[in-house]
Amino acid sequence: MTQWDKLISRIKSLDKSMRFAELQKVLENYGYEMTAPKGGSSHFTFRKPGCCPITIPKHEPIKVVYVKMVKAVVECDNNSKNLN
């Protein structure tokens, strides 16, 4: 199993020890672009044309609710690949 597969597996299992950098890596791999916060905020927004933006605070550990958002992106993208 590759590192990428292990990372996706951790997201799908809603691992509570996920780090911001790991979620960032997955979202950017799925075509999202990160925008830095303005005014000293710790919340980073990930945007992709045609998709709702995802905002994740850069805190450790990441709360499960944010891992669930990334899990939905992974599962949605995998489902659309299976339809083609």
N, C-alpha and C. Protein backbone atom coordinates (compact mmCIF):
# COMPACT_ATOMS: atom_id res chain seq x y z
N MET A 1 0.85 -1.18 0.00
CA MET A 1 0.00 0.00 0.00
C MET A 1 0.90 1.24 0.00
N THR A 2 0.64 2.16 -0.92
CA THR A 2 1.45 3.38 -1.02
C THR A 2 1.09 4.35 0.09
N GLN A 3 1.94 5.36 0.26
CA GLN A 3 1.67 6.40 1.27
C GLN A 3 0.36 7.12 0.96
N TRP A 4 0.11 7.34 -0.34
CA TRP A 4 -1.13 8.02 -0.73
C TRP A 4 -2.34 7.17 -0.32
N ASP A 5 -2.28 5.88 -0.58
CA ASP A 5 -3.38 4.98 -0.21
C ASP A 5 -3.60 4.97 1.30
N LYS A 6 -2.51 5.00 2.06
CA LYS A 6 -2.61 5.03 3.52
C LYS A 6 -3.27 6.33 3.98
N LEU A 7 -2.90 7.44 3.35
CA LEU A 7 -3.48 8.74 3.69
C LEU A 7 -4.98 8.75 3.40
N ILE A 8 -5.37 8.26 2.24
CA ILE A 8 -6.79 8.21 1.87
C ILE A 8 -7.54 7.29 2.82
N SER A 9 -6.93 6.18 3.19
CA SER A 9 -7.54 5.24 4.14
C SER A 9 -7.77 5.90 5.50
N ARG A 10 -6.81 6.69 5.95
CA ARG A 10 -6.95 7.40 7.23
C ARG A 10 -8.09 8.41 7.17
N ILE A 11 -8.24 9.07 6.03
CA ILE A 11 -9.33 10.04 5.88
C ILE A 11 -10.67 9.31 5.89
N LYS A 12 -10.75 8.21 5.17
CA LYS A 12 -12.01 7.46 5.11
C LYS A 12 -12.41 6.89 6.47
N SER A 13 -11.42 6.59 7.31
CA SER A 13 -11.72 6.06 8.63
C SER A 13 -11.92 7.16 9.67
N LEU A 14 -11.87 8.43 9.22
CA LEU A 14 -12.05 9.60 10.07
C LEU A 14 -11.05 9.62 11.24
N ASP A 15 -9.79 9.38 10.89
CA ASP A 15 -8.70 9.37 11.87
C ASP A 15 -8.65 10.71 12.60
N LYS A 16 -8.62 10.65 13.93
CA LYS A 16 -8.62 11.88 14.73
C LYS A 16 -7.25 12.53 14.83
N SER A 17 -6.21 11.89 14.32
CA SER A 17 -4.87 12.45 14.41
C SER A 17 -4.42 13.10 13.10
N MET A 18 -5.38 13.42 12.22
CA MET A 18 -5.03 14.04 10.93
C MET A 18 -4.41 15.42 11.18
N ARG A 19 -3.49 15.80 10.31
CA ARG A 19 -2.84 17.10 10.40
C ARG A 19 -3.33 17.98 9.24
N PHE A 20 -3.23 19.29 9.44
CA PHE A 20 -3.67 20.24 8.42
C PHE A 20 -2.95 19.99 7.11
N ALA A 21 -1.64 19.76 7.16
CA ALA A 21 -0.85 19.57 5.94
C ALA A 21 -1.32 18.36 5.14
N GLU A 22 -1.79 17.33 5.85
CA GLU A 22 -2.28 16.14 5.15
C GLU A 22 -3.58 16.43 4.41
N LEU A 23 -4.49 17.15 5.06
CA LEU A 23 -5.74 17.52 4.40
C LEU A 23 -5.48 18.46 3.24
N GLN A 24 -4.54 19.38 3.42
CA GLN A 24 -4.16 20.29 2.35
C GLN A 24 -3.64 19.53 1.14
N LYS A 25 -2.79 18.55 1.37
CA LYS A 25 -2.22 17.74 0.29
C LYS A 25 -3.31 17.03 -0.50
N VAL A 26 -4.28 16.46 0.20
CA VAL A 26 -5.37 15.73 -0.46
C VAL A 26 -6.24 16.70 -1.27
N LEU A 27 -6.63 17.81 -0.66
CA LEU A 27 -7.49 18.75 -1.38
C LEU A 27 -6.79 19.32 -2.61
N GLU A 28 -5.53 19.67 -2.49
CA GLU A 28 -4.80 20.20 -3.64
C GLU A 28 -4.65 19.15 -4.73
N ASN A 29 -4.50 17.88 -4.33
CA ASN A 29 -4.41 16.81 -5.32
C ASN A 29 -5.73 16.64 -6.07
N TYR A 30 -6.84 16.96 -5.42
CA TYR A 30 -8.16 16.86 -6.05
C TYR A 30 -8.55 18.16 -6.76
N GLY A 31 -7.61 19.08 -6.93
CA GLY A 31 -7.84 20.27 -7.73
C GLY A 31 -8.25 21.52 -6.99
N TYR A 32 -8.24 21.49 -5.68
CA TYR A 32 -8.60 22.67 -4.90
C TYR A 32 -7.38 23.58 -4.76
N GLU A 33 -7.62 24.88 -4.72
CA GLU A 33 -6.56 25.85 -4.50
C GLU A 33 -6.77 26.51 -3.15
N MET A 34 -5.69 26.61 -2.38
CA MET A 34 -5.77 27.19 -1.05
C MET A 34 -5.54 28.70 -1.11
N THR A 35 -6.37 29.45 -0.39
CA THR A 35 -6.16 30.88 -0.23
C THR A 35 -5.86 31.15 1.23
N ALA A 36 -4.83 31.96 1.45
CA ALA A 36 -4.39 32.29 2.80
C ALA A 36 -5.38 33.24 3.46
N PRO A 37 -5.51 33.15 4.76
CA PRO A 37 -6.43 34.03 5.48
C PRO A 37 -5.90 35.46 5.51
N LYS A 38 -6.82 36.39 5.66
CA LYS A 38 -6.45 37.80 5.76
C LYS A 38 -6.78 38.28 7.17
N GLY A 39 -6.03 39.20 7.66
CA GLY A 39 -6.32 39.80 8.95
C GLY A 39 -6.00 38.94 10.15
N GLY A 40 -5.05 38.03 10.03
CA GLY A 40 -4.61 37.25 11.17
C GLY A 40 -5.47 36.04 11.50
N SER A 41 -6.38 35.69 10.65
CA SER A 41 -7.22 34.51 10.89
C SER A 41 -6.41 33.23 10.68
N SER A 42 -6.88 32.15 11.27
CA SER A 42 -6.21 30.87 11.10
C SER A 42 -6.98 29.95 10.16
N HIS A 43 -8.03 30.47 9.53
CA HIS A 43 -8.89 29.67 8.66
C HIS A 43 -8.47 29.81 7.20
N PHE A 44 -8.10 28.68 6.59
CA PHE A 44 -7.69 28.64 5.20
C PHE A 44 -8.87 28.13 4.37
N THR A 45 -9.08 28.73 3.20
CA THR A 45 -10.19 28.34 2.34
C THR A 45 -9.64 27.65 1.09
N PHE A 46 -10.25 26.53 0.75
CA PHE A 46 -9.88 25.75 -0.44
C PHE A 46 -11.03 25.87 -1.43
N ARG A 47 -10.70 26.28 -2.66
CA ARG A 47 -11.73 26.49 -3.69
C ARG A 47 -11.40 25.69 -4.94
N LYS A 48 -12.48 25.23 -5.59
CA LYS A 48 -12.37 24.53 -6.85
C LYS A 48 -13.57 24.96 -7.69
N PRO A 49 -13.36 25.31 -8.95
CA PRO A 49 -14.49 25.73 -9.79
C PRO A 49 -15.59 24.66 -9.81
N GLY A 50 -16.82 25.10 -9.59
CA GLY A 50 -17.97 24.20 -9.63
C GLY A 50 -18.23 23.47 -8.33
N CYS A 51 -17.42 23.73 -7.30
CA CYS A 51 -17.60 23.06 -6.00
C CYS A 51 -17.71 24.11 -4.89
N CYS A 52 -18.35 23.72 -3.82
CA CYS A 52 -18.45 24.61 -2.66
C CYS A 52 -17.08 24.77 -2.02
N PRO A 53 -16.77 25.97 -1.53
CA PRO A 53 -15.48 26.15 -0.86
C PRO A 53 -15.46 25.41 0.47
N ILE A 54 -14.28 25.00 0.88
CA ILE A 54 -14.08 24.32 2.15
C ILE A 54 -13.13 25.17 2.98
N THR A 55 -13.54 25.53 4.19
CA THR A 55 -12.71 26.33 5.08
C THR A 55 -12.27 25.46 6.25
N ILE A 56 -10.95 25.42 6.47
CA ILE A 56 -10.38 24.58 7.53
C ILE A 56 -9.43 25.44 8.36
N PRO A 57 -9.60 25.44 9.69
CA PRO A 57 -8.66 26.18 10.54
C PRO A 57 -7.35 25.40 10.67
N LYS A 58 -6.27 26.14 10.74
CA LYS A 58 -4.95 25.49 10.86
C LYS A 58 -4.63 25.32 12.34
N HIS A 59 -5.25 24.31 12.93
CA HIS A 59 -5.04 23.95 14.33
C HIS A 59 -4.69 22.48 14.37
N GLU A 60 -3.96 22.07 15.37
CA GLU A 60 -3.63 20.66 15.54
C GLU A 60 -4.20 20.21 16.87
N PRO A 61 -4.86 19.08 16.96
CA PRO A 61 -5.28 18.24 15.85
C PRO A 61 -6.51 18.82 15.15
N ILE A 62 -6.73 18.38 13.94
CA ILE A 62 -7.89 18.82 13.16
C ILE A 62 -9.13 18.13 13.71
N LYS A 63 -10.21 18.89 13.87
CA LYS A 63 -11.47 18.30 14.34
C LYS A 63 -12.04 17.38 13.27
N VAL A 64 -12.76 16.38 13.72
CA VAL A 64 -13.31 15.35 12.84
C VAL A 64 -14.25 15.95 11.80
N VAL A 65 -14.94 17.01 12.13
CA VAL A 65 -15.89 17.61 11.17
C VAL A 65 -15.17 18.05 9.89
N TYR A 66 -13.93 18.51 9.99
CA TYR A 66 -13.18 18.94 8.82
C TYR A 66 -12.66 17.73 8.03
N VAL A 67 -12.32 16.67 8.74
CA VAL A 67 -11.90 15.43 8.07
C VAL A 67 -13.09 14.88 7.28
N LYS A 68 -14.31 14.99 7.84
CA LYS A 68 -15.51 14.53 7.15
C LYS A 68 -15.72 15.30 5.84
N MET A 69 -15.41 16.60 5.85
CA MET A 69 -15.55 17.41 4.62
C MET A 69 -14.61 16.89 3.54
N VAL A 70 -13.39 16.59 3.91
CA VAL A 70 -12.41 16.09 2.94
C VAL A 70 -12.79 14.68 2.50
N LYS A 71 -13.31 13.88 3.41
CA LYS A 71 -13.77 12.54 3.07
C LYS A 71 -14.87 12.61 2.01
N ALA A 72 -15.78 13.56 2.13
CA ALA A 72 -16.85 13.73 1.14
C ALA A 72 -16.27 14.06 -0.23
N VAL A 73 -15.24 14.88 -0.27
CA VAL A 73 -14.59 15.23 -1.54
C VAL A 73 -13.97 13.97 -2.16
N VAL A 74 -13.27 13.19 -1.36
CA VAL A 74 -12.61 11.97 -1.85
C VAL A 74 -13.65 10.99 -2.38
N GLU A 75 -14.70 10.77 -1.61
CA GLU A 75 -15.72 9.79 -2.02
C GLU A 75 -16.49 10.27 -3.25
N CYS A 76 -16.78 11.56 -3.33
CA CYS A 76 -17.49 12.11 -4.49
C CYS A 76 -16.65 11.96 -5.74
N ASP A 77 -15.37 12.27 -5.64
CA ASP A 77 -14.48 12.17 -6.80
C ASP A 77 -14.30 10.72 -7.23
N ASN A 78 -14.17 9.82 -6.27
CA ASN A 78 -14.01 8.40 -6.60
C ASN A 78 -15.29 7.85 -7.25
N ASN A 79 -16.45 8.29 -6.80
CA ASN A 79 -17.71 7.85 -7.40
C ASN A 79 -17.85 8.34 -8.83
N SER A 80 -17.42 9.59 -9.09
CA SER A 80 -17.54 10.11 -10.46
C SER A 80 -16.57 9.39 -11.39
N LYS A 81 -15.41 8.94 -10.89
CA LYS A 81 -14.47 8.19 -11.72
C LYS A 81 -15.04 6.82 -12.06
N ASN A 82 -15.78 6.22 -11.10
CA ASN A 82 -16.36 4.90 -11.32
C ASN A 82 -17.50 4.95 -12.33
N LEU A 83 -18.16 6.09 -12.49
CA LEU A 83 -19.26 6.21 -13.44
C LEU A 83 -18.78 6.29 -14.87
N ASN A 84 -17.55 6.76 -15.08
CA ASN A 84 -17.02 6.93 -16.44
C ASN A 84 -16.51 5.66 -17.02
